[in-house]
Amino acid sequence: MNQLIKKNIKEIQKLKSQKQIKLNKRNQLDEEINLINLHLKDLNNLKNQYEKLEKILIIFLMV
């Protein structure tokens, strides 16, 4: 009986360790995704500004 308890405790510790490793990886990926999203947001804003400027220039040149 004692062996079974020790085996279960060992398995619990192993799984907890694996869980923590996975959580750490997920947190790292979440941080990377957030950085990518910020960069995408900046680039999309810049693209929109260029598109507005292009429209203004076209209107200006047509006048």
PDB file of N, CA and C in Angstrom:
ATOM      1  N   MET A   1       0.823  -1.202   0.000  1.00  0.00           N
ATOM      2  CA  MET A   1       0.000   0.000   0.000  1.00  0.00           C
ATOM      3  C   MET A   1       0.860   1.255   0.000  1.00  0.00           C
ATOM      4  N   ASN A   2       1.901   1.237   0.803  1.00  0.00           N
ATOM      5  CA  ASN A   2       2.805   2.373   0.902  1.00  0.00           C
ATOM      6  C   ASN A   2       3.483   2.658  -0.443  1.00  0.00           C
ATOM      7  N   GLN A   3       3.833   1.596  -1.174  1.00  0.00           N
ATOM      8  CA  GLN A   3       4.457   1.748  -2.485  1.00  0.00           C
ATOM      9  C   GLN A   3       3.504   2.430  -3.465  1.00  0.00           C
ATOM     10  N   LEU A   4       2.269   2.063  -3.390  1.00  0.00           N
ATOM     11  CA  LEU A   4       1.266   2.651  -4.273  1.00  0.00           C
ATOM     12  C   LEU A   4       1.122   4.145  -4.005  1.00  0.00           C
ATOM     13  N   ILE A   5       1.125   4.523  -2.755  1.00  0.00           N
ATOM     14  CA  ILE A   5       1.031   5.944  -2.390  1.00  0.00           C
ATOM     15  C   ILE A   5       2.253   6.695  -2.892  1.00  0.00           C
ATOM     16  N   LYS A   6       3.428   6.120  -2.705  1.00  0.00           N
ATOM     17  CA  LYS A   6       4.663   6.765  -3.176  1.00  0.00           C
ATOM     18  C   LYS A   6       4.648   6.917  -4.695  1.00  0.00           C
ATOM     19  N   LYS A   7       4.171   5.884  -5.369  1.00  0.00           N
ATOM     20  CA  LYS A   7       4.090   5.935  -6.830  1.00  0.00           C
ATOM     21  C   LYS A   7       3.130   7.038  -7.267  1.00  0.00           C
ATOM     22  N   ASN A   8       2.000   7.136  -6.601  1.00  0.00           N
ATOM     23  CA  ASN A   8       1.029   8.181  -6.936  1.00  0.00           C
ATOM     24  C   ASN A   8       1.593   9.570  -6.660  1.00  0.00           C
ATOM     25  N   ILE A   9       2.276   9.729  -5.551  1.00  0.00           N
ATOM     26  CA  ILE A   9       2.881  11.023  -5.216  1.00  0.00           C
ATOM     27  C   ILE A   9       3.909  11.415  -6.267  1.00  0.00           C
ATOM     28  N   LYS A  10       4.714  10.445  -6.688  1.00  0.00           N
ATOM     29  CA  LYS A  10       5.718  10.711  -7.723  1.00  0.00           C
ATOM     30  C   LYS A  10       5.049  11.142  -9.028  1.00  0.00           C
ATOM     31  N   GLU A  11       3.982  10.461  -9.393  1.00  0.00           N
ATOM     32  CA  GLU A  11       3.251  10.804 -10.620  1.00  0.00           C
ATOM     33  C   GLU A  11       2.621  12.194 -10.517  1.00  0.00           C
ATOM     34  N   ILE A  12       2.080  12.508  -9.357  1.00  0.00           N
ATOM     35  CA  ILE A  12       1.496  13.837  -9.133  1.00  0.00           C
ATOM     36  C   ILE A  12       2.554  14.914  -9.296  1.00  0.00           C
ATOM     37  N   GLN A  13       3.718  14.702  -8.713  1.00  0.00           N
ATOM     38  CA  GLN A  13       4.797  15.689  -8.814  1.00  0.00           C
ATOM     39  C   GLN A  13       5.255  15.845 -10.257  1.00  0.00           C
ATOM     40  N   LYS A  14       5.345  14.725 -10.963  1.00  0.00           N
ATOM     41  CA  LYS A  14       5.750  14.761 -12.372  1.00  0.00           C
ATOM     42  C   LYS A  14       4.747  15.572 -13.197  1.00  0.00           C
ATOM     43  N   LEU A  15       3.475  15.301 -12.976  1.00  0.00           N
ATOM     44  CA  LEU A  15       2.443  16.008 -13.742  1.00  0.00           C
ATOM     45  C   LEU A  15       2.390  17.493 -13.384  1.00  0.00           C
ATOM     46  N   LYS A  16       2.580  17.807 -12.127  1.00  0.00           N
ATOM     47  CA  LYS A  16       2.612  19.218 -11.726  1.00  0.00           C
ATOM     48  C   LYS A  16       3.779  19.939 -12.384  1.00  0.00           C
ATOM     49  N   SER A  17       4.905  19.257 -12.450  1.00  0.00           N
ATOM     50  CA  SER A  17       6.074  19.851 -13.100  1.00  0.00           C
ATOM     51  C   SER A  17       5.809  20.084 -14.586  1.00  0.00           C
ATOM     52  N   GLN A  18       5.230  19.089 -15.248  1.00  0.00           N
ATOM     53  CA  GLN A  18       4.896  19.235 -16.668  1.00  0.00           C
ATOM     54  C   GLN A  18       3.906  20.374 -16.884  1.00  0.00           C
ATOM     55  N   LYS A  19       2.956  20.457 -15.995  1.00  0.00           N
ATOM     56  CA  LYS A  19       1.958  21.523 -16.091  1.00  0.00           C
ATOM     57  C   LYS A  19       2.620  22.888 -15.986  1.00  0.00           C
ATOM     58  N   GLN A  20       3.526  23.049 -15.040  1.00  0.00           N
ATOM     59  CA  GLN A  20       4.195  24.335 -14.861  1.00  0.00           C
ATOM     60  C   GLN A  20       5.036  24.696 -16.076  1.00  0.00           C
ATOM     61  N   ILE A  21       5.706  23.703 -16.634  1.00  0.00           N
ATOM     62  CA  ILE A  21       6.501  23.942 -17.843  1.00  0.00           C
ATOM     63  C   ILE A  21       5.600  24.416 -18.983  1.00  0.00           C
ATOM     64  N   LYS A  22       4.474  23.753 -19.142  1.00  0.00           N
ATOM     65  CA  LYS A  22       3.526  24.142 -20.200  1.00  0.00           C
ATOM     66  C   LYS A  22       2.957  25.536 -19.953  1.00  0.00           C
ATOM     67  N   LEU A  23       2.659  25.833 -18.704  1.00  0.00           N
ATOM     68  CA  LEU A  23       2.141  27.169 -18.379  1.00  0.00           C
ATOM     69  C   LEU A  23       3.176  28.244 -18.692  1.00  0.00           C
ATOM     70  N   ASN A  24       4.427  27.963 -18.369  1.00  0.00           N
ATOM     71  CA  ASN A  24       5.492  28.926 -18.664  1.00  0.00           C
ATOM     72  C   ASN A  24       5.628  29.150 -20.166  1.00  0.00           C
ATOM     73  N   LYS A  25       5.566  28.066 -20.927  1.00  0.00           N
ATOM     74  CA  LYS A  25       5.649  28.189 -22.387  1.00  0.00           C
ATOM     75  C   LYS A  25       4.469  28.985 -22.930  1.00  0.00           C
ATOM     76  N   ARG A  26       3.284  28.700 -22.392  1.00  0.00           N
ATOM     77  CA  ARG A  26       2.089  29.421 -22.846  1.00  0.00           C
ATOM     78  C   ARG A  26       2.208  30.910 -22.537  1.00  0.00           C
ATOM     79  N   ASN A  27       2.699  31.233 -21.352  1.00  0.00           N
ATOM     80  CA  ASN A  27       2.875  32.642 -20.994  1.00  0.00           C
ATOM     81  C   ASN A  27       3.863  33.325 -21.925  1.00  0.00           C
ATOM     82  N   GLN A  28       4.941  32.620 -22.250  1.00  0.00           N
ATOM     83  CA  GLN A  28       5.923  33.186 -23.171  1.00  0.00           C
ATOM     84  C   GLN A  28       5.291  33.418 -24.544  1.00  0.00           C
ATOM     85  N   LEU A  29       4.525  32.448 -25.014  1.00  0.00           N
ATOM     86  CA  LEU A  29       3.854  32.601 -26.311  1.00  0.00           C
ATOM     87  C   LEU A  29       2.837  33.738 -26.284  1.00  0.00           C
ATOM     88  N   ASP A  30       2.126  33.863 -25.188  1.00  0.00           N
ATOM     89  CA  ASP A  30       1.170  34.971 -25.049  1.00  0.00           C
ATOM     90  C   ASP A  30       1.876  36.316 -25.146  1.00  0.00           C
ATOM     91  N   GLU A  31       3.035  36.419 -24.515  1.00  0.00           N
ATOM     92  CA  GLU A  31       3.804  37.669 -24.585  1.00  0.00           C
ATOM     93  C   GLU A  31       4.250  37.947 -26.011  1.00  0.00           C
ATOM     94  N   GLU A  32       4.718  36.915 -26.696  1.00  0.00           N
ATOM     95  CA  GLU A  32       5.152  37.087 -28.083  1.00  0.00           C
ATOM     96  C   GLU A  32       3.980  37.496 -28.972  1.00  0.00           C
ATOM     97  N   ILE A  33       2.842  36.883 -28.764  1.00  0.00           N
ATOM     98  CA  ILE A  33       1.649  37.219 -29.549  1.00  0.00           C
ATOM     99  C   ILE A  33       1.235  38.663 -29.289  1.00  0.00           C
ATOM    100  N   ASN A  34       1.301  39.090 -28.054  1.00  0.00           N
ATOM    101  CA  ASN A  34       0.955  40.477 -27.729  1.00  0.00           C
ATOM    102  C   ASN A  34       1.884  41.456 -28.432  1.00  0.00           C
ATOM    103  N   LEU A  35       3.174  41.138 -28.468  1.00  0.00           N
ATOM    104  CA  LEU A  35       4.121  42.009 -29.174  1.00  0.00           C
ATOM    105  C   LEU A  35       3.815  42.050 -30.673  1.00  0.00           C
ATOM    106  N   ILE A  36       3.516  40.910 -31.225  1.00  0.00           N
ATOM    107  CA  ILE A  36       3.174  40.854 -32.652  1.00  0.00           C
ATOM    108  C   ILE A  36       1.910  41.664 -32.925  1.00  0.00           C
ATOM    109  N   ASN A  37       0.925  41.534 -32.062  1.00  0.00           N
ATOM    110  CA  ASN A  37      -0.318  42.290 -32.238  1.00  0.00           C
ATOM    111  C   ASN A  37      -0.077  43.794 -32.159  1.00  0.00           C
ATOM    112  N   LEU A  38       0.786  44.215 -31.249  1.00  0.00           N
ATOM    113  CA  LEU A  38       1.114  45.641 -31.164  1.00  0.00           C
ATOM    114  C   LEU A  38       1.785  46.123 -32.445  1.00  0.00           C
ATOM    115  N   HIS A  39       2.696  45.321 -32.945  1.00  0.00           N
ATOM    116  CA  HIS A  39       3.387  45.692 -34.177  1.00  0.00           C
ATOM    117  C   HIS A  39       2.406  45.736 -35.350  1.00  0.00           C
ATOM    118  N   LEU A  40       1.524  44.758 -35.407  1.00  0.00           N
ATOM    119  CA  LEU A  40       0.506  44.746 -36.456  1.00  0.00           C
ATOM    120  C   LEU A  40      -0.391  45.975 -36.379  1.00  0.00           C
ATOM    121  N   LYS A  41      -0.761  46.337 -35.185  1.00  0.00           N
ATOM    122  CA  LYS A  41      -1.611  47.514 -35.000  1.00  0.00           C
ATOM    123  C   LYS A  41      -0.905  48.762 -35.520  1.00  0.00           C
ATOM    124  N   ASP A  42       0.365  48.907 -35.173  1.00  0.00           N
ATOM    125  CA  ASP A  42       1.132  50.059 -35.652  1.00  0.00           C
ATOM    126  C   ASP A  42       1.225  50.066 -37.173  1.00  0.00           C
ATOM    127  N   LEU A  43       1.508  48.914 -37.739  1.00  0.00           N
ATOM    128  CA  LEU A  43       1.638  48.837 -39.197  1.00  0.00           C
ATOM    129  C   LEU A  43       0.306  49.111 -39.894  1.00  0.00           C
ATOM    130  N   ASN A  44      -0.766  48.618 -39.347  1.00  0.00           N
ATOM    131  CA  ASN A  44      -2.082  48.885 -39.938  1.00  0.00           C
ATOM    132  C   ASN A  44      -2.444  50.361 -39.843  1.00  0.00           C
ATOM    133  N   ASN A  45      -2.106  50.990 -38.740  1.00  0.00           N
ATOM    134  CA  ASN A  45      -2.340  52.430 -38.609  1.00  0.00           C
ATOM    135  C   ASN A  45      -1.539  53.205 -39.646  1.00  0.00           C
ATOM    136  N   LEU A  46      -0.304  52.811 -39.827  1.00  0.00           N
ATOM    137  CA  LEU A  46       0.542  53.476 -40.818  1.00  0.00           C
ATOM    138  C   LEU A  46      -0.020  53.283 -42.224  1.00  0.00           C
ATOM    139  N   LYS A  47      -0.461  52.075 -42.521  1.00  0.00           N
ATOM    140  CA  LYS A  47      -1.060  51.788 -43.823  1.00  0.00           C
ATOM    141  C   LYS A  47      -2.295  52.657 -44.050  1.00  0.00           C
ATOM    142  N   ASN A  48      -3.122  52.769 -43.037  1.00  0.00           N
ATOM    143  CA  ASN A  48      -4.327  53.595 -43.155  1.00  0.00           C
ATOM    144  C   ASN A  48      -3.979  55.064 -43.377  1.00  0.00           C
ATOM    145  N   GLN A  49      -2.956  55.536 -42.713  1.00  0.00           N
ATOM    146  CA  GLN A  49      -2.528  56.926 -42.909  1.00  0.00           C
ATOM    147  C   GLN A  49      -2.044  57.146 -44.337  1.00  0.00           C
ATOM    148  N   TYR A  50      -1.280  56.185 -44.860  1.00  0.00           N
ATOM    149  CA  TYR A  50      -0.811  56.302 -46.240  1.00  0.00           C
ATOM    150  C   TYR A  50      -1.981  56.292 -47.216  1.00  0.00           C
ATOM    151  N   GLU A  51      -2.956  55.456 -46.960  1.00  0.00           N
ATOM    152  CA  GLU A  51      -4.121  55.397 -47.844  1.00  0.00           C
ATOM    153  C   GLU A  51      -4.896  56.709 -47.817  1.00  0.00           C
ATOM    154  N   LYS A  52      -5.047  57.298 -46.660  1.00  0.00           N
ATOM    155  CA  LYS A  52      -5.728  58.594 -46.566  1.00  0.00           C
ATOM    156  C   LYS A  52      -4.933  59.667 -47.295  1.00  0.00           C
ATOM    157  N   LEU A  53      -3.637  59.646 -47.099  1.00  0.00           N
ATOM    158  CA  LEU A  53      -2.790  60.625 -47.769  1.00  0.00           C
ATOM    159  C   LEU A  53      -2.869  60.455 -49.284  1.00  0.00           C
ATOM    160  N   GLU A  54      -2.879  59.235 -49.724  1.00  0.00           N
ATOM    161  CA  GLU A  54      -2.980  58.967 -51.155  1.00  0.00           C
ATOM    162  C   GLU A  54      -4.294  59.523 -51.724  1.00  0.00           C
ATOM    163  N   LYS A  55      -5.378  59.325 -51.022  1.00  0.00           N
ATOM    164  CA  LYS A  55      -6.669  59.855 -51.472  1.00  0.00           C
ATOM    165  C   LYS A  55      -6.647  61.377 -51.530  1.00  0.00           C
ATOM    166  N   ILE A  56      -6.068  61.981 -50.528  1.00  0.00           N
ATOM    167  CA  ILE A  56      -5.975  63.447 -50.497  1.00  0.00           C
ATOM    168  C   ILE A  56      -5.146  63.950 -51.670  1.00  0.00           C
ATOM    169  N   LEU A  57      -4.037  63.270 -51.940  1.00  0.00           N
ATOM    170  CA  LEU A  57      -3.182  63.682 -53.058  1.00  0.00           C
ATOM    171  C   LEU A  57      -3.902  63.529 -54.395  1.00  0.00           C
ATOM    172  N   ILE A  58      -4.637  62.475 -54.546  1.00  0.00           N
ATOM    173  CA  ILE A  58      -5.379  62.268 -55.796  1.00  0.00           C
ATOM    174  C   ILE A  58      -6.402  63.388 -55.983  1.00  0.00           C
ATOM    175  N   ILE A  59      -7.120  63.708 -54.933  1.00  0.00           N
ATOM    176  CA  ILE A  59      -8.102  64.796 -55.009  1.00  0.00           C
ATOM    177  C   ILE A  59      -7.404  66.114 -55.316  1.00  0.00           C
ATOM    178  N   PHE A  60      -6.291  66.358 -54.666  1.00  0.00           N
ATOM    179  CA  PHE A  60      -5.555  67.603 -54.867  1.00  0.00           C
ATOM    180  C   PHE A  60      -5.055  67.709 -56.306  1.00  0.00           C
ATOM    181  N   LEU A  61      -4.546  66.624 -56.842  1.00  0.00           N
ATOM    182  CA  LEU A  61      -4.008  66.646 -58.199  1.00  0.00           C
ATOM    183  C   LEU A  61      -5.112  66.755 -59.249  1.00  0.00           C
ATOM    184  N   MET A  62      -6.287  66.360 -58.914  1.00  0.00           N
ATOM    185  CA  MET A  62      -7.399  66.436 -59.858  1.00  0.00           C
ATOM    186  C   MET A  62      -7.955  67.854 -59.948  1.00  0.00           C
ATOM    187  N   VAL A  63      -7.691  68.662 -58.959  1.00  0.00           N
ATOM    188  CA  VAL A  63      -8.262  70.010 -58.941  1.00  0.00           C
ATOM    189  C   VAL A  63      -7.478  70.933 -59.813  1.00  0.00           C
TER     190      VAL A  63
END
